[in-house]
Structures are given as C-alpha cells and as structure tokens.
C-alpha cells in the first residue's frame, strides 16, 4: 500500500483501524450514513476529531 501511495497511485482504504488509516493516508474522507461529511488532512486533525465526524458530530460543535 505504501509503495503504491508513494508512487502516486490512488489507494482506497476502508477500515475500522483509525490509527492505521491515519498513518497510511494523505487525505481522509469521512462518511456518515452514506454521505461524505469531512475531507481532512490526517496530519492536521486528531483521531478524536475524526471519530466525532464518524459518529455524526463535528468537533467543537453540534451534529
């Protein structure tokens, strides 16, 4: 996966292992109920914030 990513190939990862996804990704698209709710840079966001988006909430705000 890392070799392909580094070569510029788009790689889609679907996983419940958030730490692994954040370590491998250049970009995170978070879905909630079938809709993309966030487009994030994993280097600029915490796992806690990503988890809030996954649960249908937004960091620092209401759902």
Protein backbone atom coordinates (compact mmCIF):
# COMPACT_ATOMS: atom_id res chain seq x y z
CA UNK A 1 0.00 0.00 0.00
CA UNK A 2 2.75 2.44 0.96
CA UNK A 3 4.74 1.76 -2.23
CA UNK A 4 1.70 2.39 -4.40
CA UNK A 5 0.76 5.54 -2.46
CA UNK A 6 4.31 6.87 -2.73
CA UNK A 7 4.29 6.15 -6.48
CA UNK A 8 1.24 8.39 -6.84
CA UNK A 9 -1.37 5.68 -7.23
CA UNK A 10 -4.74 6.35 -5.63
CA UNK A 11 -5.43 3.82 -2.88
CA UNK A 12 -8.81 3.39 -1.22
CA UNK A 13 -8.67 2.07 2.33
CA UNK A 14 -11.82 1.10 4.19
CA UNK A 15 -11.06 0.15 7.77
CA UNK A 16 -12.14 0.45 11.38
CA UNK A 17 -8.47 0.76 12.41
CA UNK A 18 -8.33 4.55 12.64
CA UNK A 19 -4.67 4.81 13.70
CA UNK A 20 -3.59 2.69 10.72
CA UNK A 21 -5.73 4.66 8.29
CA UNK A 22 -4.36 7.98 9.57
CA UNK A 23 -0.76 6.71 9.32
CA UNK A 24 -1.20 5.49 5.72
CA UNK A 25 -3.30 8.33 4.34
CA UNK A 26 -2.55 11.66 2.69
CA UNK A 27 -6.26 12.54 2.75
CA UNK A 28 -9.25 11.29 4.74
CA UNK A 29 -12.84 11.34 3.54
CA UNK A 30 -15.18 10.57 6.42
CA UNK A 31 -18.63 9.18 5.72
CA UNK A 32 -21.67 9.18 7.97
CA UNK A 33 -24.87 7.46 6.88
CA UNK A 34 -23.65 7.20 3.30
CA UNK A 35 -22.67 10.86 2.93
CA UNK A 36 -19.18 12.37 2.95
CA UNK A 37 -19.17 14.69 5.97
CA UNK A 38 -15.49 15.66 6.08
CA UNK A 39 -12.45 15.94 3.81
CA UNK A 40 -9.45 16.04 6.14
CA UNK A 41 -5.66 16.11 6.20
CA UNK A 42 -4.65 13.37 8.67
CA UNK A 43 -1.58 15.39 9.66
CA UNK A 44 -3.78 18.32 10.72
CA UNK A 45 -6.55 16.51 12.61
CA UNK A 46 -6.73 14.29 15.70
CA UNK A 47 -8.15 10.79 15.83
CA UNK A 48 -10.71 12.17 18.32
CA UNK A 49 -11.95 14.71 15.76
CA UNK A 50 -12.17 12.05 13.04
CA UNK A 51 -14.14 9.87 15.45
CA UNK A 52 -16.59 12.69 16.09
CA UNK A 53 -17.20 13.07 12.35
CA UNK A 54 -17.67 9.29 12.08
CA UNK A 55 -20.33 9.49 14.80
CA UNK A 56 -22.24 12.24 13.01
CA UNK A 57 -20.96 15.11 15.12
CA UNK A 58 -18.50 17.89 14.40
CA UNK A 59 -15.53 18.79 16.60
CA UNK A 60 -16.36 21.88 18.65
CA UNK A 61 -19.99 21.88 17.58
CA UNK A 62 -23.28 20.07 17.48
CA UNK A 63 -24.34 17.45 14.98
